[in-house]
C-alpha atoms as a PDB file:
ATOM      1  CA  UNK A   1       0.000   0.000   0.000  1.00  0.00           C
ATOM      2  CA  UNK A   2       1.205   3.508  -0.810  1.00  0.00           C
ATOM      3  CA  UNK A   3       1.709   5.847   2.173  1.00  0.00           C
ATOM      4  CA  UNK A   4       0.444   9.182   0.863  1.00  0.00           C
ATOM      5  CA  UNK A   5       1.055  10.981   4.163  1.00  0.00           C
ATOM      6  CA  UNK A   6       4.614  11.634   2.997  1.00  0.00           C
ATOM      7  CA  UNK A   7       3.337  13.535  -0.041  1.00  0.00           C
ATOM      8  CA  UNK A   8       2.879  17.303  -0.047  1.00  0.00           C
ATOM      9  CA  UNK A   9      -0.290  17.066  -2.147  1.00  0.00           C
ATOM     10  CA  UNK A  10      -2.409  13.891  -2.321  1.00  0.00           C
ATOM     11  CA  UNK A  11      -4.567  15.225  -5.143  1.00  0.00           C
ATOM     12  CA  UNK A  12      -1.507  15.897  -7.307  1.00  0.00           C
ATOM     13  CA  UNK A  13      -0.248  12.378  -6.550  1.00  0.00           C
ATOM     14  CA  UNK A  14      -3.523  10.801  -7.672  1.00  0.00           C
ATOM     15  CA  UNK A  15      -3.719  12.869 -10.860  1.00  0.00           C
ATOM     16  CA  UNK A  16      -0.077  12.229 -11.764  1.00  0.00           C
ATOM     17  CA  UNK A  17      -0.269   8.495 -11.035  1.00  0.00           C
ATOM     18  CA  UNK A  18      -3.500   8.226 -13.022  1.00  0.00           C
ATOM     19  CA  UNK A  19      -1.960   9.930 -16.029  1.00  0.00           C
ATOM     20  CA  UNK A  20       1.099   7.670 -15.806  1.00  0.00           C
ATOM     21  CA  UNK A  21      -1.110   4.565 -15.498  1.00  0.00           C
ATOM     22  CA  UNK A  22      -2.844   5.558 -18.738  1.00  0.00           C
ATOM     23  CA  UNK A  23       0.579   5.888 -20.396  1.00  0.00           C
ATOM     24  CA  UNK A  24       1.584   2.441 -19.148  1.00  0.00           C
ATOM     25  CA  UNK A  25      -1.662   0.935 -20.419  1.00  0.00           C
ATOM     26  CA  UNK A  26      -0.942   2.518 -23.811  1.00  0.00           C
ATOM     27  CA  UNK A  27       2.436   0.759 -23.949  1.00  0.00           C
ATOM     28  CA  UNK A  28       4.977   3.003 -22.206  1.00  0.00           C
ATOM     29  CA  UNK A  29       7.970   1.277 -20.632  1.00  0.00           C
ATOM     30  CA  UNK A  30       7.875   1.078 -16.807  1.00  0.00           C
ATOM     31  CA  UNK A  31      10.699   2.810 -14.933  1.00  0.00           C
ATOM     32  CA  UNK A  32      10.539   0.586 -11.827  1.00  0.00           C
ATOM     33  CA  UNK A  33      10.584  -3.176 -11.245  1.00  0.00           C
ATOM     34  CA  UNK A  34       7.275  -4.585 -12.446  1.00  0.00           C
ATOM     35  CA  UNK A  35       6.897  -8.033 -10.925  1.00  0.00           C
ATOM     36  CA  UNK A  36       3.274  -9.168 -10.994  1.00  0.00           C
ATOM     37  CA  UNK A  37       1.829  -5.753 -10.172  1.00  0.00           C
ATOM     38  CA  UNK A  38      -0.957  -3.961 -12.002  1.00  0.00           C
ATOM     39  CA  UNK A  39      -0.224  -0.886 -14.110  1.00  0.00           C
ATOM     40  CA  UNK A  40      -1.869   1.393 -11.530  1.00  0.00           C
ATOM     41  CA  UNK A  41       0.424   0.133  -8.754  1.00  0.00           C
ATOM     42  CA  UNK A  42       3.466   0.504 -10.998  1.00  0.00           C
ATOM     43  CA  UNK A  43       2.428   4.089 -11.773  1.00  0.00           C
ATOM     44  CA  UNK A  44       2.031   4.877  -8.075  1.00  0.00           C
ATOM     45  CA  UNK A  45       5.485   3.496  -7.316  1.00  0.00           C
ATOM     46  CA  UNK A  46       6.996   5.542 -10.148  1.00  0.00           C
ATOM     47  CA  UNK A  47       5.484   8.716  -8.705  1.00  0.00           C
ATOM     48  CA  UNK A  48       6.529   7.842  -5.131  1.00  0.00           C
ATOM     49  CA  UNK A  49      10.135   7.179  -6.189  1.00  0.00           C
ATOM     50  CA  UNK A  50      10.132  10.315  -8.347  1.00  0.00           C
ATOM     51  CA  UNK A  51      10.839   8.347 -11.500  1.00  0.00           C
ATOM     52  CA  UNK A  52       8.060  10.417 -13.080  1.00  0.00           C
ATOM     53  CA  UNK A  53       6.900  13.898 -12.131  1.00  0.00           C
ATOM     54  CA  UNK A  54       4.082  16.218 -13.023  1.00  0.00           C
ATOM     55  CA  UNK A  55       4.769  18.646 -15.853  1.00  0.00           C
ATOM     56  CA  UNK A  56       3.305  22.117 -15.741  1.00  0.00           C
ATOM     57  CA  UNK A  57       1.005  22.926 -18.634  1.00  0.00           C
ATOM     58  CA  UNK A  58       2.041  25.739 -20.935  1.00  0.00           C
ATOM     59  CA  UNK A  59      -0.723  28.226 -21.548  1.00  0.00           C
ATOM     60  CA  UNK A  60      -1.063  28.416 -25.334  1.00  0.00           C
ATOM     61  CA  UNK A  61      -2.419  31.968 -25.232  1.00  0.00           C
ATOM     62  CA  UNK A  62       0.671  33.246 -23.403  1.00  0.00           C
ATOM     63  CA  UNK A  63       2.904  31.402 -25.832  1.00  0.00           C
ATOM     64  CA  UNK A  64       1.167  33.021 -28.820  1.00  0.00           C
ATOM     65  CA  UNK A  65       1.380  36.466 -27.214  1.00  0.00           C
ATOM     66  CA  UNK A  66       5.152  36.135 -26.838  1.00  0.00           C
ATOM     67  CA  UNK A  67       5.792  35.282 -30.495  1.00  0.00           C
ATOM     68  CA  UNK A  68       7.542  38.049 -32.414  1.00  0.00           C
ATOM     69  CA  UNK A  69       6.162  38.876 -35.870  1.00  0.00           C
ATOM     70  CA  UNK A  70       8.480  37.999 -38.733  1.00  0.00           C
ATOM     71  CA  UNK A  71       9.252  40.237 -41.687  1.00  0.00           C
ATOM     72  CA  UNK A  72       8.126  38.878 -45.059  1.00  0.00           C
ATOM     73  CA  UNK A  73      11.070  38.365 -47.361  1.00  0.00           C
END
């Protein structure tokens, strides 16, 4: 069983592990020892051991606003 009391944010753990579990189900290679564990347990262990981490989303609007116009040649 995963001890989530050591985590700063349980919600972030659940979301990150869920996203990683979906990746594993789609065929991604596990980064921890698999054994006979389910993909969800493997994903939780990867998050707990910091083999995978949450990535911050990039706001597309901000990215577009920062693009410099180019001169037509």
